[in-house]
Amino acid sequence: LVNQLPEANLILLRHLFGVLHHIEQNSGVNQMNAFNLALCIAPNMLWLPRPTGPEEESRSTKKVALLVQFLIENSGEIFGGDIASLF
């Protein structure tokens, strides 16, 4: 799916998850592991197209957080093993 994105979107995601992966690599110092980062960033990444109740929004946010966590933890495999070279 990532390879089907327009190039500009792919570049943006690659840089974003490169930064998040870099932060996660220093979680021993900053306490921001992939789970914590995902909880912080997920509500800003994807949202439902129409307003819903608090329960549905909570379920949706949890699903997005799991996806973001997966993308952070596997960013090298998903976006290319040289993701650290962006810095």
PDB file of N, CA and C in Angstrom:
ATOM      1  N   LEU A   1       0.811  -1.206   0.000  1.00  0.00           N
ATOM      2  CA  LEU A   1       0.000   0.000   0.000  1.00  0.00           C
ATOM      3  C   LEU A   1       0.850   1.265   0.000  1.00  0.00           C
ATOM      4  N   VAL A   2       1.941   1.227   0.728  1.00  0.00           N
ATOM      5  CA  VAL A   2       2.810   2.403   0.809  1.00  0.00           C
ATOM      6  C   VAL A   2       3.329   2.777  -0.568  1.00  0.00           C
ATOM      7  N   ASN A   3       3.692   1.786  -1.340  1.00  0.00           N
ATOM      8  CA  ASN A   3       4.230   2.051  -2.678  1.00  0.00           C
ATOM      9  C   ASN A   3       3.188   2.594  -3.645  1.00  0.00           C
ATOM     10  N   GLN A   4       1.922   2.510  -3.302  1.00  0.00           N
ATOM     11  CA  GLN A   4       0.858   3.031  -4.153  1.00  0.00           C
ATOM     12  C   GLN A   4       0.544   4.501  -3.858  1.00  0.00           C
ATOM     13  N   LEU A   5       1.139   5.047  -2.809  1.00  0.00           N
ATOM     14  CA  LEU A   5       0.909   6.452  -2.456  1.00  0.00           C
ATOM     15  C   LEU A   5       1.577   7.376  -3.467  1.00  0.00           C
ATOM     16  N   PRO A   6       1.020   8.564  -3.655  1.00  0.00           N
ATOM     17  CA  PRO A   6       1.723   9.562  -4.471  1.00  0.00           C
ATOM     18  C   PRO A   6       3.089   9.859  -3.834  1.00  0.00           C
ATOM     19  N   GLU A   7       4.056  10.187  -4.654  1.00  0.00           N
ATOM     20  CA  GLU A   7       5.426  10.367  -4.175  1.00  0.00           C
ATOM     21  C   GLU A   7       5.526  11.391  -3.040  1.00  0.00           C
ATOM     22  N   ALA A   8       4.806  12.499  -3.144  1.00  0.00           N
ATOM     23  CA  ALA A   8       4.866  13.528  -2.101  1.00  0.00           C
ATOM     24  C   ALA A   8       4.376  12.980  -0.759  1.00  0.00           C
ATOM     25  N   ASN A   9       3.310  12.194  -0.785  1.00  0.00           N
ATOM     26  CA  ASN A   9       2.785  11.609   0.447  1.00  0.00           C
ATOM     27  C   ASN A   9       3.781  10.619   1.044  1.00  0.00           C
ATOM     28  N   LEU A  10       4.383   9.830   0.192  1.00  0.00           N
ATOM     29  CA  LEU A  10       5.360   8.849   0.654  1.00  0.00           C
ATOM     30  C   LEU A  10       6.565   9.530   1.289  1.00  0.00           C
ATOM     31  N   ILE A  11       7.036  10.581   0.689  1.00  0.00           N
ATOM     32  CA  ILE A  11       8.180  11.317   1.237  1.00  0.00           C
ATOM     33  C   ILE A  11       7.814  11.905   2.604  1.00  0.00           C
ATOM     34  N   LEU A  12       6.644  12.490   2.695  1.00  0.00           N
ATOM     35  CA  LEU A  12       6.204  13.055   3.975  1.00  0.00           C
ATOM     36  C   LEU A  12       6.116  11.978   5.054  1.00  0.00           C
ATOM     37  N   LEU A  13       5.471  10.857   4.742  1.00  0.00           N
ATOM     38  CA  LEU A  13       5.353   9.776   5.722  1.00  0.00           C
ATOM     39  C   LEU A  13       6.719   9.210   6.095  1.00  0.00           C
ATOM     40  N   ARG A  14       7.582   9.080   5.121  1.00  0.00           N
ATOM     41  CA  ARG A  14       8.925   8.555   5.389  1.00  0.00           C
ATOM     42  C   ARG A  14       9.674   9.463   6.367  1.00  0.00           C
ATOM     43  N   HIS A  15       9.595  10.755   6.170  1.00  0.00           N
ATOM     44  CA  HIS A  15      10.258  11.686   7.078  1.00  0.00           C
ATOM     45  C   HIS A  15       9.588  11.685   8.458  1.00  0.00           C
ATOM     46  N   LEU A  16       8.273  11.702   8.486  1.00  0.00           N
ATOM     47  CA  LEU A  16       7.561  11.700   9.766  1.00  0.00           C
ATOM     48  C   LEU A  16       7.914  10.465  10.580  1.00  0.00           C
ATOM     49  N   PHE A  17       7.828   9.288   9.952  1.00  0.00           N
ATOM     50  CA  PHE A  17       8.116   8.074  10.695  1.00  0.00           C
ATOM     51  C   PHE A  17       9.611   7.895  10.935  1.00  0.00           C
ATOM     52  N   GLY A  18      10.443   8.538  10.137  1.00  0.00           N
ATOM     53  CA  GLY A  18      11.876   8.565  10.428  1.00  0.00           C
ATOM     54  C   GLY A  18      12.139   9.305  11.727  1.00  0.00           C
ATOM     55  N   VAL A  19      11.484  10.447  11.909  1.00  0.00           N
ATOM     56  CA  VAL A  19      11.626  11.228  13.140  1.00  0.00           C
ATOM     57  C   VAL A  19      11.082  10.429  14.325  1.00  0.00           C
ATOM     58  N   LEU A  20       9.894   9.861  14.170  1.00  0.00           N
ATOM     59  CA  LEU A  20       9.295   9.094  15.265  1.00  0.00           C
ATOM     60  C   LEU A  20      10.157   7.886  15.620  1.00  0.00           C
ATOM     61  N   HIS A  21      10.700   7.217  14.619  1.00  0.00           N
ATOM     62  CA  HIS A  21      11.578   6.075  14.873  1.00  0.00           C
ATOM     63  C   HIS A  21      12.832   6.518  15.618  1.00  0.00           C
ATOM     64  N   HIS A  22      13.395   7.648  15.226  1.00  0.00           N
ATOM     65  CA  HIS A  22      14.585   8.186  15.889  1.00  0.00           C
ATOM     66  C   HIS A  22      14.277   8.502  17.357  1.00  0.00           C
ATOM     67  N   ILE A  23      13.143   9.106  17.614  1.00  0.00           N
ATOM     68  CA  ILE A  23      12.735   9.399  19.001  1.00  0.00           C
ATOM     69  C   ILE A  23      12.586   8.093  19.778  1.00  0.00           C
ATOM     70  N   GLU A  24      11.945   7.118  19.160  1.00  0.00           N
ATOM     71  CA  GLU A  24      11.713   5.827  19.811  1.00  0.00           C
ATOM     72  C   GLU A  24      13.035   5.120  20.123  1.00  0.00           C
ATOM     73  N   GLN A  25      14.037   5.285  19.278  1.00  0.00           N
ATOM     74  CA  GLN A  25      15.342   4.667  19.511  1.00  0.00           C
ATOM     75  C   GLN A  25      16.021   5.223  20.763  1.00  0.00           C
ATOM     76  N   ASN A  26      15.588   6.393  21.210  1.00  0.00           N
ATOM     77  CA  ASN A  26      16.144   7.017  22.410  1.00  0.00           C
ATOM     78  C   ASN A  26      15.172   6.947  23.584  1.00  0.00           C
ATOM     79  N   SER A  27      14.286   5.974  23.564  1.00  0.00           N
ATOM     80  CA  SER A  27      13.249   5.876  24.603  1.00  0.00           C
ATOM     81  C   SER A  27      13.820   5.622  25.992  1.00  0.00           C
ATOM     82  N   GLY A  28      15.017   5.081  26.075  1.00  0.00           N
ATOM     83  CA  GLY A  28      15.648   4.888  27.379  1.00  0.00           C
ATOM     84  C   GLY A  28      15.914   6.200  28.090  1.00  0.00           C
ATOM     85  N   VAL A  29      16.082   7.249  27.321  1.00  0.00           N
ATOM     86  CA  VAL A  29      16.348   8.578  27.876  1.00  0.00           C
ATOM     87  C   VAL A  29      15.070   9.417  27.941  1.00  0.00           C
ATOM     88  N   ASN A  30      14.262   9.358  26.885  1.00  0.00           N
ATOM     89  CA  ASN A  30      13.110  10.263  26.791  1.00  0.00           C
ATOM     90  C   ASN A  30      11.769   9.624  27.171  1.00  0.00           C
ATOM     91  N   GLN A  31      11.754   8.327  27.478  1.00  0.00           N
ATOM     92  CA  GLN A  31      10.536   7.606  27.878  1.00  0.00           C
ATOM     93  C   GLN A  31       9.458   7.574  26.794  1.00  0.00           C
ATOM     94  N   MET A  32       9.832   7.863  25.557  1.00  0.00           N
ATOM     95  CA  MET A  32       8.857   7.868  24.462  1.00  0.00           C
ATOM     96  C   MET A  32       9.081   6.643  23.579  1.00  0.00           C
ATOM     97  N   ASN A  33       8.499   5.526  24.009  1.00  0.00           N
ATOM     98  CA  ASN A  33       8.563   4.328  23.178  1.00  0.00           C
ATOM     99  C   ASN A  33       7.506   4.435  22.083  1.00  0.00           C
ATOM    100  N   ALA A  34       7.447   3.438  21.211  1.00  0.00           N
ATOM    101  CA  ALA A  34       6.515   3.489  20.085  1.00  0.00           C
ATOM    102  C   ALA A  34       5.074   3.609  20.546  1.00  0.00           C
ATOM    103  N   PHE A  35       4.720   2.936  21.626  1.00  0.00           N
ATOM    104  CA  PHE A  35       3.356   3.006  22.147  1.00  0.00           C
ATOM    105  C   PHE A  35       3.017   4.424  22.600  1.00  0.00           C
ATOM    106  N   ASN A  36       3.901   5.044  23.387  1.00  0.00           N
ATOM    107  CA  ASN A  36       3.652   6.404  23.868  1.00  0.00           C
ATOM    108  C   ASN A  36       3.587   7.410  22.721  1.00  0.00           C
ATOM    109  N   LEU A  37       4.485   7.270  21.766  1.00  0.00           N
ATOM    110  CA  LEU A  37       4.454   8.156  20.606  1.00  0.00           C
ATOM    111  C   LEU A  37       3.150   7.995  19.826  1.00  0.00           C
ATOM    112  N   ALA A  38       2.738   6.749  19.655  1.00  0.00           N
ATOM    113  CA  ALA A  38       1.507   6.480  18.908  1.00  0.00           C
ATOM    114  C   ALA A  38       0.297   7.104  19.601  1.00  0.00           C
ATOM    115  N   LEU A  39       0.246   7.019  20.920  1.00  0.00           N
ATOM    116  CA  LEU A  39      -0.877   7.622  21.639  1.00  0.00           C
ATOM    117  C   LEU A  39      -0.909   9.140  21.470  1.00  0.00           C
ATOM    118  N   CYS A  40       0.265   9.744  21.382  1.00  0.00           N
ATOM    119  CA  CYS A  40       0.340  11.201  21.224  1.00  0.00           C
ATOM    120  C   CYS A  40      -0.021  11.648  19.808  1.00  0.00           C
ATOM    121  N   ILE A  41       0.446  10.918  18.827  1.00  0.00           N
ATOM    122  CA  ILE A  41       0.313  11.378  17.435  1.00  0.00           C
ATOM    123  C   ILE A  41      -0.946  10.865  16.747  1.00  0.00           C
ATOM    124  N   ALA A  42      -1.457   9.723  17.153  1.00  0.00           N
ATOM    125  CA  ALA A  42      -2.589   9.088  16.463  1.00  0.00           C
ATOM    126  C   ALA A  42      -3.809   9.998  16.311  1.00  0.00           C
ATOM    127  N   PRO A  43      -4.215  10.723  17.348  1.00  0.00           N
ATOM    128  CA  PRO A  43      -5.414  11.554  17.171  1.00  0.00           C
ATOM    129  C   PRO A  43      -5.264  12.649  16.110  1.00  0.00           C
ATOM    130  N   ASN A  44      -4.037  12.947  15.731  1.00  0.00           N
ATOM    131  CA  ASN A  44      -3.790  13.978  14.725  1.00  0.00           C
ATOM    132  C   ASN A  44      -3.557  13.420  13.330  1.00  0.00           C
ATOM    133  N   MET A  45      -3.474  12.114  13.204  1.00  0.00           N
ATOM    134  CA  MET A  45      -3.143  11.507  11.915  1.00  0.00           C
ATOM    135  C   MET A  45      -4.374  11.147  11.100  1.00  0.00           C
ATOM    136  N   LEU A  46      -5.296  10.435  11.696  1.00  0.00           N
ATOM    137  CA  LEU A  46      -6.504   9.986  11.005  1.00  0.00           C
ATOM    138  C   LEU A  46      -7.696  10.202  11.923  1.00  0.00           C
ATOM    139  N   TRP A  47      -8.821  10.542  11.336  1.00  0.00           N
ATOM    140  CA  TRP A  47     -10.027  10.692  12.130  1.00  0.00           C
ATOM    141  C   TRP A  47     -11.224  10.300  11.288  1.00  0.00           C
ATOM    142  N   LEU A  48     -12.302  10.069  11.967  1.00  0.00           N
ATOM    143  CA  LEU A  48     -13.528   9.654  11.280  1.00  0.00           C
ATOM    144  C   LEU A  48     -14.055  10.794  10.415  1.00  0.00           C
ATOM    145  N   PRO A  49     -14.687  10.479   9.286  1.00  0.00           N
ATOM    146  CA  PRO A  49     -15.152  11.523   8.366  1.00  0.00           C
ATOM    147  C   PRO A  49     -16.330  12.336   8.899  1.00  0.00           C
ATOM    148  N   ARG A  50     -17.008  11.820   9.902  1.00  0.00           N
ATOM    149  CA  ARG A  50     -18.131  12.561  10.462  1.00  0.00           C
ATOM    150  C   ARG A  50     -18.118  12.409  11.973  1.00  0.00           C
ATOM    151  N   PRO A  51     -18.666  13.371  12.688  1.00  0.00           N
ATOM    152  CA  PRO A  51     -18.694  13.276  14.154  1.00  0.00           C
ATOM    153  C   PRO A  51     -19.496  12.049  14.608  1.00  0.00           C
ATOM    154  N   THR A  52     -18.976  11.396  15.628  1.00  0.00           N
ATOM    155  CA  THR A  52     -19.654  10.249  16.213  1.00  0.00           C
ATOM    156  C   THR A  52     -19.649  10.403  17.722  1.00  0.00           C
ATOM    157  N   GLY A  53     -20.142   9.399  18.395  1.00  0.00           N
ATOM    158  CA  GLY A  53     -20.152   9.426  19.843  1.00  0.00           C
ATOM    159  C   GLY A  53     -18.767   9.169  20.422  1.00  0.00           C
ATOM    160  N   PRO A  54     -18.600   9.440  21.698  1.00  0.00           N
ATOM    161  CA  PRO A  54     -17.299   9.268  22.349  1.00  0.00           C
ATOM    162  C   PRO A  54     -16.782   7.824  22.308  1.00  0.00           C
ATOM    163  N   GLU A  55     -17.672   6.849  22.388  1.00  0.00           N
ATOM    164  CA  GLU A  55     -17.237   5.456  22.359  1.00  0.00           C
ATOM    165  C   GLU A  55     -16.632   5.092  21.002  1.00  0.00           C
ATOM    166  N   GLU A  56     -17.285   5.492  19.930  1.00  0.00           N
ATOM    167  CA  GLU A  56     -16.777   5.199  18.590  1.00  0.00           C
ATOM    168  C   GLU A  56     -15.461   5.942  18.340  1.00  0.00           C
ATOM    169  N   GLU A  57     -15.364   7.173  18.785  1.00  0.00           N
ATOM    170  CA  GLU A  57     -14.127   7.928  18.619  1.00  0.00           C
ATOM    171  C   GLU A  57     -12.987   7.285  19.398  1.00  0.00           C
ATOM    172  N   SER A  58     -13.279   6.783  20.569  1.00  0.00           N
ATOM    173  CA  SER A  58     -12.269   6.105  21.377  1.00  0.00           C
ATOM    174  C   SER A  58     -11.784   4.830  20.686  1.00  0.00           C
ATOM    175  N   ARG A  59     -12.702   4.041  20.151  1.00  0.00           N
ATOM    176  CA  ARG A  59     -12.328   2.826  19.426  1.00  0.00           C
ATOM    177  C   ARG A  59     -11.485   3.165  18.201  1.00  0.00           C
ATOM    178  N   SER A  60     -11.899   4.188  17.483  1.00  0.00           N
ATOM    179  CA  SER A  60     -11.176   4.599  16.289  1.00  0.00           C
ATOM    180  C   SER A  60      -9.766   5.068  16.640  1.00  0.00           C
ATOM    181  N   THR A  61      -9.629   5.857  17.688  1.00  0.00           N
ATOM    182  CA  THR A  61      -8.327   6.354  18.104  1.00  0.00           C
ATOM    183  C   THR A  61      -7.413   5.205  18.503  1.00  0.00           C
ATOM    184  N   LYS A  62      -7.949   4.204  19.178  1.00  0.00           N
ATOM    185  CA  LYS A  62      -7.138   3.045  19.566  1.00  0.00           C
ATOM    186  C   LYS A  62      -6.639   2.293  18.339  1.00  0.00           C
ATOM    187  N   LYS A  63      -7.498   2.135  17.339  1.00  0.00           N
ATOM    188  CA  LYS A  63      -7.095   1.446  16.108  1.00  0.00           C
ATOM    189  C   LYS A  63      -5.993   2.219  15.387  1.00  0.00           C
ATOM    190  N   VAL A  64      -6.151   3.525  15.297  1.00  0.00           N
ATOM    191  CA  VAL A  64      -5.142   4.352  14.637  1.00  0.00           C
ATOM    192  C   VAL A  64      -3.833   4.297  15.422  1.00  0.00           C
ATOM    193  N   ALA A  65      -3.917   4.321  16.765  1.00  0.00           N
ATOM    194  CA  ALA A  65      -2.715   4.247  17.598  1.00  0.00           C
ATOM    195  C   ALA A  65      -1.966   2.941  17.358  1.00  0.00           C
ATOM    196  N   LEU A  66      -2.685   1.837  17.223  1.00  0.00           N
ATOM    197  CA  LEU A  66      -2.039   0.556  16.940  1.00  0.00           C
ATOM    198  C   LEU A  66      -1.339   0.587  15.582  1.00  0.00           C
ATOM    199  N   LEU A  67      -1.973   1.197  14.604  1.00  0.00           N
ATOM    200  CA  LEU A  67      -1.366   1.321  13.279  1.00  0.00           C
ATOM    201  C   LEU A  67      -0.106   2.179  13.339  1.00  0.00           C
ATOM    202  N   VAL A  68      -0.188   3.318  14.016  1.00  0.00           N
ATOM    203  CA  VAL A  68       0.967   4.215  14.124  1.00  0.00           C
ATOM    204  C   VAL A  68       2.103   3.519  14.864  1.00  0.00           C
ATOM    205  N   GLN A  69       1.786   2.802  15.931  1.00  0.00           N
ATOM    206  CA  GLN A  69       2.807   2.059  16.675  1.00  0.00           C
ATOM    207  C   GLN A  69       3.493   1.049  15.754  1.00  0.00           C
ATOM    208  N   PHE A  70       2.706   0.313  14.987  1.00  0.00           N
ATOM    209  CA  PHE A  70       3.262  -0.660  14.045  1.00  0.00           C
ATOM    210  C   PHE A  70       4.181   0.027  13.038  1.00  0.00           C
ATOM    211  N   LEU A  71       3.750   1.159  12.501  1.00  0.00           N
ATOM    212  CA  LEU A  71       4.556   1.876  11.510  1.00  0.00           C
ATOM    213  C   LEU A  71       5.859   2.384  12.113  1.00  0.00           C
ATOM    214  N   ILE A  72       5.822   2.841  13.368  1.00  0.00           N
ATOM    215  CA  ILE A  72       7.049   3.295  14.035  1.00  0.00           C
ATOM    216  C   ILE A  72       8.002   2.123  14.228  1.00  0.00           C
ATOM    217  N   GLU A  73       7.477   1.040  14.770  1.00  0.00           N
ATOM    218  CA  GLU A  73       8.315  -0.121  15.089  1.00  0.00           C
ATOM    219  C   GLU A  73       8.883  -0.790  13.838  1.00  0.00           C
ATOM    220  N   ASN A  74       8.218  -0.662  12.719  1.00  0.00           N
ATOM    221  CA  ASN A  74       8.642  -1.330  11.487  1.00  0.00           C
ATOM    222  C   ASN A  74       8.994  -0.342  10.379  1.00  0.00           C
ATOM    223  N   SER A  75       9.329   0.873  10.743  1.00  0.00           N
ATOM    224  CA  SER A  75       9.558   1.912   9.743  1.00  0.00           C
ATOM    225  C   SER A  75      10.696   1.579   8.790  1.00  0.00           C
ATOM    226  N   GLY A  76      11.734   0.913   9.271  1.00  0.00           N
ATOM    227  CA  GLY A  76      12.840   0.542   8.392  1.00  0.00           C
ATOM    228  C   GLY A  76      12.406  -0.395   7.285  1.00  0.00           C
ATOM    229  N   GLU A  77      11.580  -1.369   7.635  1.00  0.00           N
ATOM    230  CA  GLU A  77      11.106  -2.338   6.647  1.00  0.00           C
ATOM    231  C   GLU A  77      10.052  -1.730   5.719  1.00  0.00           C
ATOM    232  N   ILE A  78       9.246  -0.841   6.253  1.00  0.00           N
ATOM    233  CA  ILE A  78       8.146  -0.263   5.473  1.00  0.00           C
ATOM    234  C   ILE A  78       8.634   0.848   4.548  1.00  0.00           C
ATOM    235  N   PHE A  79       9.465   1.728   5.075  1.00  0.00           N
ATOM    236  CA  PHE A  79       9.880   2.917   4.320  1.00  0.00           C
ATOM    237  C   PHE A  79      11.303   2.822   3.785  1.00  0.00           C
ATOM    238  N   GLY A  80      11.962   1.721   4.031  1.00  0.00           N
ATOM    239  CA  GLY A  80      13.330   1.552   3.548  1.00  0.00           C
ATOM    240  C   GLY A  80      14.305   1.497   4.694  1.00  0.00           C
ATOM    241  N   GLY A  81      15.229   0.577   4.635  1.00  0.00           N
ATOM    242  CA  GLY A  81      16.189   0.367   5.721  1.00  0.00           C
ATOM    243  C   GLY A  81      17.090   1.546   5.991  1.00  0.00           C
ATOM    244  N   ASP A  82      17.185   2.472   5.059  1.00  0.00           N
ATOM    245  CA  ASP A  82      18.061   3.627   5.237  1.00  0.00           C
ATOM    246  C   ASP A  82      17.336   4.835   5.822  1.00  0.00           C
ATOM    247  N   ILE A  83      16.242   4.586   6.543  1.00  0.00           N
ATOM    248  CA  ILE A  83      15.443   5.694   7.074  1.00  0.00           C
ATOM    249  C   ILE A  83      16.260   6.575   8.006  1.00  0.00           C
ATOM    250  N   ALA A  84      17.235   6.008   8.709  1.00  0.00           N
ATOM    251  CA  ALA A  84      18.081   6.796   9.602  1.00  0.00           C
ATOM    252  C   ALA A  84      18.960   7.775   8.827  1.00  0.00           C
ATOM    253  N   SER A  85      19.201   7.496   7.551  1.00  0.00           N
ATOM    254  CA  SER A  85      20.059   8.372   6.756  1.00  0.00           C
ATOM    255  C   SER A  85      19.381   9.708   6.435  1.00  0.00           C
ATOM    256  N   LEU A  86      18.085   9.817   6.751  1.00  0.00           N
ATOM    257  CA  LEU A  86      17.403  11.088   6.531  1.00  0.00           C
ATOM    258  C   LEU A  86      17.939  12.181   7.437  1.00  0.00           C
ATOM    259  N   PHE A  87      18.650  11.759   8.478  1.00  0.00           N
ATOM    260  CA  PHE A  87      19.175  12.726   9.444  1.00  0.00           C
ATOM    261  C   PHE A  87      20.671  12.786   9.338  1.00  0.00           C
TER     262      PHE A  87
END
